[in-house]
C-alpha cells in the first residue's frame, strides 16, 4: 500500500473546512436576504475565516495546555504532600 504524500490529509481537511464555511456564508446571506456573493468573494472570505479560526485555536490551545500543566503540577504537589 502506497503512503500518502506528507501534508495531504491536512490540505484535504482545510479544503473541507473552507467548503463548509462557504456553505455557511451562502446560507447566512440567503437567510438575511442579502444578494449572493460571487464565487471569488466567497472563496476569499472563507479562506480568511478559516485562517482566523486556526490562528485563534493555536493561541487558545497553547493557553489551555499551559493551564492543564499548571493544574497537573498543583495536583501532583498536593498528592505527594509537598507544599
PDB file of N, CA and C in Angstrom:
ATOM      1  N   UNK A   1       0.839  -1.186   0.000  1.00  0.00           N
ATOM      2  CA  UNK A   1       0.000   0.000   0.000  1.00  0.00           C
ATOM      3  C   UNK A   1       0.883   1.249   0.000  1.00  0.00           C
ATOM      4  N   UNK A   2       0.588   2.174  -0.864  1.00  0.00           N
ATOM      5  CA  UNK A   2       1.397   3.373  -1.016  1.00  0.00           C
ATOM      6  C   UNK A   2       1.003   4.431   0.007  1.00  0.00           C
ATOM      7  N   UNK A   3       2.007   5.062   0.590  1.00  0.00           N
ATOM      8  CA  UNK A   3       1.747   6.111   1.582  1.00  0.00           C
ATOM      9  C   UNK A   3       1.325   7.401   0.886  1.00  0.00           C
ATOM     10  N   UNK A   4       0.448   8.132   1.563  1.00  0.00           N
ATOM     11  CA  UNK A   4       0.025   9.436   1.033  1.00  0.00           C
ATOM     12  C   UNK A   4       1.153  10.441   1.231  1.00  0.00           C
ATOM     13  N   UNK A   5       1.268  11.409   0.327  1.00  0.00           N
ATOM     14  CA  UNK A   5       2.307  12.425   0.495  1.00  0.00           C
ATOM     15  C   UNK A   5       2.079  13.211   1.780  1.00  0.00           C
ATOM     16  N   UNK A   6       3.179  13.647   2.423  1.00  0.00           N
ATOM     17  CA  UNK A   6       3.030  14.382   3.673  1.00  0.00           C
ATOM     18  C   UNK A   6       2.197  15.649   3.482  1.00  0.00           C
ATOM     19  N   UNK A   7       1.335  15.908   4.433  1.00  0.00           N
ATOM     20  CA  UNK A   7       0.519  17.114   4.389  1.00  0.00           C
ATOM     21  C   UNK A   7      -0.745  16.991   3.579  1.00  0.00           C
ATOM     22  N   UNK A   8      -0.940  15.899   2.881  1.00  0.00           N
ATOM     23  CA  UNK A   8      -2.114  15.810   2.026  1.00  0.00           C
ATOM     24  C   UNK A   8      -3.399  15.743   2.848  1.00  0.00           C
ATOM     25  N   UNK A   9      -3.364  15.069   3.986  1.00  0.00           N
ATOM     26  CA  UNK A   9      -4.551  14.989   4.831  1.00  0.00           C
ATOM     27  C   UNK A   9      -4.919  16.368   5.375  1.00  0.00           C
ATOM     28  N   UNK A  10      -3.928  17.110   5.816  1.00  0.00           N
ATOM     29  CA  UNK A  10      -4.214  18.444   6.341  1.00  0.00           C
ATOM     30  C   UNK A  10      -4.753  19.373   5.252  1.00  0.00           C
ATOM     31  N   UNK A  11      -4.265  19.196   4.025  1.00  0.00           N
ATOM     32  CA  UNK A  11      -4.776  20.002   2.913  1.00  0.00           C
ATOM     33  C   UNK A  11      -6.222  19.645   2.607  1.00  0.00           C
ATOM     34  N   UNK A  12      -6.536  18.355   2.673  1.00  0.00           N
ATOM     35  CA  UNK A  12      -7.915  17.923   2.438  1.00  0.00           C
ATOM     36  C   UNK A  12      -8.842  18.448   3.527  1.00  0.00           C
ATOM     37  N   UNK A  13      -8.383  18.384   4.764  1.00  0.00           N
ATOM     38  CA  UNK A  13      -9.190  18.888   5.877  1.00  0.00           C
ATOM     39  C   UNK A  13      -9.421  20.384   5.728  1.00  0.00           C
ATOM     40  N   UNK A  14      -8.382  21.107   5.352  1.00  0.00           N
ATOM     41  CA  UNK A  14      -8.506  22.560   5.159  1.00  0.00           C
ATOM     42  C   UNK A  14      -9.503  22.863   4.045  1.00  0.00           C
ATOM     43  N   UNK A  15      -9.470  22.068   2.968  1.00  0.00           N
ATOM     44  CA  UNK A  15     -10.412  22.268   1.861  1.00  0.00           C
ATOM     45  C   UNK A  15     -11.848  22.010   2.307  1.00  0.00           C
ATOM     46  N   UNK A  16     -12.049  20.993   3.134  1.00  0.00           N
ATOM     47  CA  UNK A  16     -13.387  20.701   3.648  1.00  0.00           C
ATOM     48  C   UNK A  16     -13.855  21.838   4.557  1.00  0.00           C
ATOM     49  N   UNK A  17     -12.963  22.341   5.396  1.00  0.00           N
ATOM     50  CA  UNK A  17     -13.313  23.467   6.266  1.00  0.00           C
ATOM     51  C   UNK A  17     -13.728  24.683   5.431  1.00  0.00           C
ATOM     52  N   UNK A  18     -12.982  24.933   4.372  1.00  0.00           N
ATOM     53  CA  UNK A  18     -13.276  26.076   3.505  1.00  0.00           C
ATOM     54  C   UNK A  18     -14.619  25.895   2.798  1.00  0.00           C
ATOM     55  N   UNK A  19     -14.889  24.686   2.293  1.00  0.00           N
ATOM     56  CA  UNK A  19     -16.169  24.422   1.635  1.00  0.00           C
ATOM     57  C   UNK A  19     -17.333  24.587   2.602  1.00  0.00           C
ATOM     58  N   UNK A  20     -17.177  24.069   3.807  1.00  0.00           N
ATOM     59  CA  UNK A  20     -18.230  24.208   4.818  1.00  0.00           C
ATOM     60  C   UNK A  20     -18.468  25.678   5.157  1.00  0.00           C
ATOM     61  N   UNK A  21     -17.396  26.427   5.274  1.00  0.00           N
ATOM     62  CA  UNK A  21     -17.512  27.860   5.567  1.00  0.00           C
ATOM     63  C   UNK A  21     -18.247  28.582   4.440  1.00  0.00           C
ATOM     64  N   UNK A  22     -17.934  28.231   3.194  1.00  0.00           N
ATOM     65  CA  UNK A  22     -18.636  28.852   2.060  1.00  0.00           C
ATOM     66  C   UNK A  22     -20.130  28.522   2.099  1.00  0.00           C
ATOM     67  N   UNK A  23     -20.467  27.280   2.428  1.00  0.00           N
ATOM     68  CA  UNK A  23     -21.883  26.910   2.537  1.00  0.00           C
ATOM     69  C   UNK A  23     -22.579  27.712   3.628  1.00  0.00           C
ATOM     70  N   UNK A  24     -21.902  27.864   4.759  1.00  0.00           N
ATOM     71  CA  UNK A  24     -22.484  28.645   5.856  1.00  0.00           C
ATOM     72  C   UNK A  24     -22.669  30.111   5.465  1.00  0.00           C
ATOM     73  N   UNK A  25     -21.692  30.660   4.749  1.00  0.00           N
ATOM     74  CA  UNK A  25     -21.818  32.041   4.285  1.00  0.00           C
ATOM     75  C   UNK A  25     -22.988  32.192   3.318  1.00  0.00           C
ATOM     76  N   UNK A  26     -23.140  31.253   2.380  1.00  0.00           N
ATOM     77  CA  UNK A  26     -24.276  31.301   1.446  1.00  0.00           C
ATOM     78  C   UNK A  26     -25.607  31.218   2.204  1.00  0.00           C
ATOM     79  N   UNK A  27     -25.679  30.287   3.165  1.00  0.00           N
ATOM     80  CA  UNK A  27     -26.902  30.110   3.954  1.00  0.00           C
ATOM     81  C   UNK A  27     -27.230  31.386   4.724  1.00  0.00           C
ATOM     82  N   UNK A  28     -26.215  31.986   5.341  1.00  0.00           N
ATOM     83  CA  UNK A  28     -26.419  33.200   6.131  1.00  0.00           C
ATOM     84  C   UNK A  28     -26.895  34.349   5.228  1.00  0.00           C
ATOM     85  N   UNK A  29     -26.310  34.488   4.052  1.00  0.00           N
ATOM     86  CA  UNK A  29     -26.720  35.551   3.129  1.00  0.00           C
ATOM     87  C   UNK A  29     -28.162  35.343   2.662  1.00  0.00           C
ATOM     88  N   UNK A  30     -28.496  34.111   2.328  1.00  0.00           N
ATOM     89  CA  UNK A  30     -29.854  33.802   1.882  1.00  0.00           C
ATOM     90  C   UNK A  30     -30.850  34.068   2.997  1.00  0.00           C
ATOM     91  N   UNK A  31     -30.497  33.670   4.214  1.00  0.00           N
ATOM     92  CA  UNK A  31     -31.376  33.844   5.378  1.00  0.00           C
ATOM     93  C   UNK A  31     -31.637  35.321   5.661  1.00  0.00           C
ATOM     94  N   UNK A  32     -30.613  36.148   5.468  1.00  0.00           N
ATOM     95  CA  UNK A  32     -30.742  37.576   5.745  1.00  0.00           C
ATOM     96  C   UNK A  32     -31.212  38.379   4.535  1.00  0.00           C
ATOM     97  N   UNK A  33     -31.437  37.707   3.416  1.00  0.00           N
ATOM     98  CA  UNK A  33     -31.936  38.394   2.229  1.00  0.00           C
ATOM     99  C   UNK A  33     -30.893  39.208   1.499  1.00  0.00           C
ATOM    100  N   UNK A  34     -29.636  38.891   1.714  1.00  0.00           N
ATOM    101  CA  UNK A  34     -28.540  39.595   1.056  1.00  0.00           C
ATOM    102  C   UNK A  34     -28.304  38.936  -0.303  1.00  0.00           C
ATOM    103  N   UNK A  35     -28.081  39.736  -1.354  1.00  0.00           N
ATOM    104  CA  UNK A  35     -27.805  39.135  -2.665  1.00  0.00           C
ATOM    105  C   UNK A  35     -26.564  38.233  -2.587  1.00  0.00           C
ATOM    106  N   UNK A  36     -26.599  37.106  -3.289  1.00  0.00           N
ATOM    107  CA  UNK A  36     -25.463  36.189  -3.223  1.00  0.00           C
ATOM    108  C   UNK A  36     -24.180  36.820  -3.743  1.00  0.00           C
ATOM    109  N   UNK A  37     -23.083  36.478  -3.079  1.00  0.00           N
ATOM    110  CA  UNK A  37     -21.770  36.992  -3.481  1.00  0.00           C
ATOM    111  C   UNK A  37     -21.192  36.119  -4.582  1.00  0.00           C
ATOM    112  N   UNK A  38     -20.234  36.656  -5.290  1.00  0.00           N
ATOM    113  CA  UNK A  38     -19.558  35.889  -6.330  1.00  0.00           C
ATOM    114  C   UNK A  38     -18.676  34.805  -5.728  1.00  0.00           C
ATOM    115  N   UNK A  39     -18.323  33.837  -6.544  1.00  0.00           N
ATOM    116  CA  UNK A  39     -17.511  32.703  -6.073  1.00  0.00           C
ATOM    117  C   UNK A  39     -16.147  33.167  -5.567  1.00  0.00           C
ATOM    118  N   UNK A  40     -15.541  34.133  -6.243  1.00  0.00           N
ATOM    119  CA  UNK A  40     -14.229  34.630  -5.806  1.00  0.00           C
ATOM    120  C   UNK A  40     -14.324  35.307  -4.446  1.00  0.00           C
ATOM    121  N   UNK A  41     -15.382  36.077  -4.243  1.00  0.00           N
ATOM    122  CA  UNK A  41     -15.587  36.747  -2.960  1.00  0.00           C
ATOM    123  C   UNK A  41     -15.811  35.731  -1.856  1.00  0.00           C
ATOM    124  N   UNK A  42     -16.648  34.729  -2.130  1.00  0.00           N
ATOM    125  CA  UNK A  42     -16.884  33.677  -1.139  1.00  0.00           C
ATOM    126  C   UNK A  42     -15.597  32.932  -0.816  1.00  0.00           C
ATOM    127  N   UNK A  43     -14.814  32.622  -1.840  1.00  0.00           N
ATOM    128  CA  UNK A  43     -13.543  31.925  -1.636  1.00  0.00           C
ATOM    129  C   UNK A  43     -12.613  32.723  -0.726  1.00  0.00           C
ATOM    130  N   UNK A  44     -12.457  34.000  -1.033  1.00  0.00           N
ATOM    131  CA  UNK A  44     -11.554  34.849  -0.245  1.00  0.00           C
ATOM    132  C   UNK A  44     -12.030  34.974   1.195  1.00  0.00           C
ATOM    133  N   UNK A  45     -13.324  35.200   1.377  1.00  0.00           N
ATOM    134  CA  UNK A  45     -13.852  35.350   2.733  1.00  0.00           C
ATOM    135  C   UNK A  45     -13.775  34.043   3.515  1.00  0.00           C
ATOM    136  N   UNK A  46     -14.070  32.928   2.870  1.00  0.00           N
ATOM    137  CA  UNK A  46     -13.994  31.627   3.541  1.00  0.00           C
ATOM    138  C   UNK A  46     -12.558  31.339   3.964  1.00  0.00           C
ATOM    139  N   UNK A  47     -11.610  31.621   3.094  1.00  0.00           N
ATOM    140  CA  UNK A  47     -10.195  31.398   3.416  1.00  0.00           C
ATOM    141  C   UNK A  47      -9.784  32.252   4.620  1.00  0.00           C
ATOM    142  N   UNK A  48     -10.221  33.496   4.630  1.00  0.00           N
ATOM    143  CA  UNK A  48      -9.904  34.401   5.743  1.00  0.00           C
ATOM    144  C   UNK A  48     -10.505  33.892   7.055  1.00  0.00           C
ATOM    145  N   UNK A  49     -11.746  33.450   7.011  1.00  0.00           N
ATOM    146  CA  UNK A  49     -12.421  32.947   8.211  1.00  0.00           C
ATOM    147  C   UNK A  49     -11.721  31.693   8.736  1.00  0.00           C
ATOM    148  N   UNK A  50     -11.397  30.769   7.845  1.00  0.00           N
ATOM    149  CA  UNK A  50     -10.730  29.527   8.256  1.00  0.00           C
ATOM    150  C   UNK A  50      -9.358  29.841   8.844  1.00  0.00           C
ATOM    151  N   UNK A  51      -8.614  30.718   8.215  1.00  0.00           N
ATOM    152  CA  UNK A  51      -7.284  31.084   8.712  1.00  0.00           C
ATOM    153  C   UNK A  51      -7.376  31.743  10.085  1.00  0.00           C
ATOM    154  N   UNK A  52      -8.341  32.636  10.264  1.00  0.00           N
ATOM    155  CA  UNK A  52      -8.538  33.292  11.554  1.00  0.00           C
ATOM    156  C   UNK A  52      -8.895  32.275  12.632  1.00  0.00           C
ATOM    157  N   UNK A  53      -9.770  31.338  12.298  1.00  0.00           N
ATOM    158  CA  UNK A  53     -10.158  30.304  13.259  1.00  0.00           C
ATOM    159  C   UNK A  53      -8.953  29.461  13.667  1.00  0.00           C
ATOM    160  N   UNK A  54      -8.098  29.116  12.719  1.00  0.00           N
ATOM    161  CA  UNK A  54      -6.905  28.331  13.041  1.00  0.00           C
ATOM    162  C   UNK A  54      -5.948  29.126  13.928  1.00  0.00           C
ATOM    163  N   UNK A  55      -5.788  30.399  13.643  1.00  0.00           N
ATOM    164  CA  UNK A  55      -4.913  31.249  14.451  1.00  0.00           C
ATOM    165  C   UNK A  55      -5.418  31.324  15.890  1.00  0.00           C
ATOM    166  N   UNK A  56      -6.713  31.523  16.051  1.00  0.00           N
ATOM    167  CA  UNK A  56      -7.299  31.598  17.392  1.00  0.00           C
ATOM    168  C   UNK A  56      -7.108  30.274  18.131  1.00  0.00           C
ATOM    169  N   UNK A  57      -7.347  29.164  17.447  1.00  0.00           N
ATOM    170  CA  UNK A  57      -7.211  27.860  18.094  1.00  0.00           C
ATOM    171  C   UNK A  57      -5.760  27.578  18.491  1.00  0.00           C
ATOM    172  N   UNK A  58      -4.808  27.999  17.678  1.00  0.00           N
ATOM    173  CA  UNK A  58      -3.403  27.803  18.037  1.00  0.00           C
ATOM    174  C   UNK A  58      -3.071  28.562  19.319  1.00  0.00           C
ATOM    175  N   UNK A  59      -3.529  29.804  19.387  1.00  0.00           N
ATOM    176  CA  UNK A  59      -3.248  30.629  20.564  1.00  0.00           C
ATOM    177  C   UNK A  59      -3.953  30.070  21.796  1.00  0.00           C
ATOM    178  N   UNK A  60      -5.246  29.816  21.675  1.00  0.00           N
ATOM    179  CA  UNK A  60      -6.022  29.325  22.810  1.00  0.00           C
ATOM    180  C   UNK A  60      -5.574  27.924  23.221  1.00  0.00           C
ATOM    181  N   UNK A  61      -5.209  27.103  22.252  1.00  0.00           N
ATOM    182  CA  UNK A  61      -4.760  25.752  22.551  1.00  0.00           C
ATOM    183  C   UNK A  61      -3.513  25.753  23.418  1.00  0.00           C
ATOM    184  N   UNK A  62      -2.588  26.660  23.136  1.00  0.00           N
ATOM    185  CA  UNK A  62      -1.373  26.774  23.947  1.00  0.00           C
ATOM    186  C   UNK A  62      -1.706  27.199  25.363  1.00  0.00           C
ATOM    187  N   UNK A  63      -2.638  28.129  25.514  1.00  0.00           N
ATOM    188  CA  UNK A  63      -3.028  28.582  26.844  1.00  0.00           C
ATOM    189  C   UNK A  63      -3.720  27.470  27.623  1.00  0.00           C
ATOM    190  N   UNK A  64      -4.556  26.691  26.934  1.00  0.00           N
ATOM    191  CA  UNK A  64      -5.247  25.583  27.596  1.00  0.00           C
ATOM    192  C   UNK A  64      -4.234  24.549  28.070  1.00  0.00           C
ATOM    193  N   UNK A  65      -3.251  24.204  27.221  1.00  0.00           N
ATOM    194  CA  UNK A  65      -2.220  23.250  27.624  1.00  0.00           C
ATOM    195  C   UNK A  65      -1.421  23.767  28.808  1.00  0.00           C
ATOM    196  N   UNK A  66      -1.106  25.043  28.793  1.00  0.00           N
ATOM    197  CA  UNK A  66      -0.375  25.651  29.906  1.00  0.00           C
ATOM    198  C   UNK A  66      -1.189  25.535  31.201  1.00  0.00           C
ATOM    199  N   UNK A  67      -2.482  25.846  31.144  1.00  0.00           N
ATOM    200  CA  UNK A  67      -3.346  25.739  32.325  1.00  0.00           C
ATOM    201  C   UNK A  67      -3.460  24.298  32.812  1.00  0.00           C
ATOM    202  N   UNK A  68      -3.568  23.355  31.882  1.00  0.00           N
ATOM    203  CA  UNK A  68      -3.641  21.945  32.272  1.00  0.00           C
ATOM    204  C   UNK A  68      -2.349  21.500  32.954  1.00  0.00           C
ATOM    205  N   UNK A  69      -1.220  21.920  32.447  1.00  0.00           N
ATOM    206  CA  UNK A  69       0.060  21.562  33.068  1.00  0.00           C
ATOM    207  C   UNK A  69       0.188  22.159  34.465  1.00  0.00           C
ATOM    208  N   UNK A  70      -0.238  23.407  34.633  1.00  0.00           N
ATOM    209  CA  UNK A  70      -0.199  24.021  35.958  1.00  0.00           C
ATOM    210  C   UNK A  70      -1.095  23.268  36.933  1.00  0.00           C
ATOM    211  N   UNK A  71      -2.288  22.881  36.478  1.00  0.00           N
ATOM    212  CA  UNK A  71      -3.217  22.142  37.323  1.00  0.00           C
ATOM    213  C   UNK A  71      -2.641  20.781  37.687  1.00  0.00           C
ATOM    214  N   UNK A  72      -2.028  20.123  36.727  1.00  0.00           N
ATOM    215  CA  UNK A  72      -1.411  18.817  36.985  1.00  0.00           C
ATOM    216  C   UNK A  72      -0.299  18.948  38.018  1.00  0.00           C
ATOM    217  N   UNK A  73       0.534  19.961  37.882  1.00  0.00           N
ATOM    218  CA  UNK A  73       1.627  20.167  38.833  1.00  0.00           C
ATOM    219  C   UNK A  73       1.089  20.428  40.237  1.00  0.00           C
ATOM    220  N   UNK A  74       0.032  21.244  40.321  1.00  0.00           N
ATOM    221  CA  UNK A  74      -0.564  21.532  41.633  1.00  0.00           C
ATOM    222  C   UNK A  74      -1.162  20.265  42.237  1.00  0.00           C
ATOM    223  N   UNK A  75      -1.806  19.454  41.402  1.00  0.00           N
ATOM    224  CA  UNK A  75      -2.384  18.203  41.893  1.00  0.00           C
ATOM    225  C   UNK A  75      -1.294  17.258  42.388  1.00  0.00           C
ATOM    226  N   UNK A  76      -0.241  17.102  41.608  1.00  0.00           N
ATOM    227  CA  UNK A  76       0.841  16.201  41.998  1.00  0.00           C
ATOM    228  C   UNK A  76       1.527  16.679  43.271  1.00  0.00           C
ATOM    229  N   UNK A  77       1.679  17.978  43.417  1.00  0.00           N
ATOM    230  CA  UNK A  77       2.285  18.542  44.623  1.00  0.00           C
ATOM    231  C   UNK A  77       1.405  18.222  45.836  1.00  0.00           C
ATOM    232  N   UNK A  78       0.088  18.414  45.696  1.00  0.00           N
ATOM    233  CA  UNK A  78      -0.843  18.122  46.804  1.00  0.00           C
ATOM    234  C   UNK A  78      -0.906  16.627  47.064  1.00  0.00           C
ATOM    235  N   UNK A  79      -0.863  15.828  46.030  1.00  0.00           N
ATOM    236  CA  UNK A  79      -0.952  14.372  46.153  1.00  0.00           C
ATOM    237  C   UNK A  79       0.255  13.823  46.899  1.00  0.00           C
ATOM    238  N   UNK A  80       1.416  14.380  46.633  1.00  0.00           N
ATOM    239  CA  UNK A  80       2.641  13.925  47.279  1.00  0.00           C
ATOM    240  C   UNK A  80       2.831  14.561  48.649  1.00  0.00           C
ATOM    241  N   UNK A  81       1.971  15.546  48.966  1.00  0.00           N
ATOM    242  CA  UNK A  81       2.045  16.198  50.274  1.00  0.00           C
ATOM    243  C   UNK A  81       3.136  17.227  50.398  1.00  0.00           C
ATOM    244  N   UNK A  82       3.618  17.736  49.258  1.00  0.00           N
ATOM    245  CA  UNK A  82       4.647  18.776  49.275  1.00  0.00           C
ATOM    246  C   UNK A  82       3.998  20.129  49.102  1.00  0.00           C
ATOM    247  N   UNK A  83       4.370  21.055  49.947  1.00  0.00           N
ATOM    248  CA  UNK A  83       3.809  22.421  49.838  1.00  0.00           C
ATOM    249  C   UNK A  83       4.764  23.364  49.216  1.00  0.00           C
TER     250      UNK A  83
END
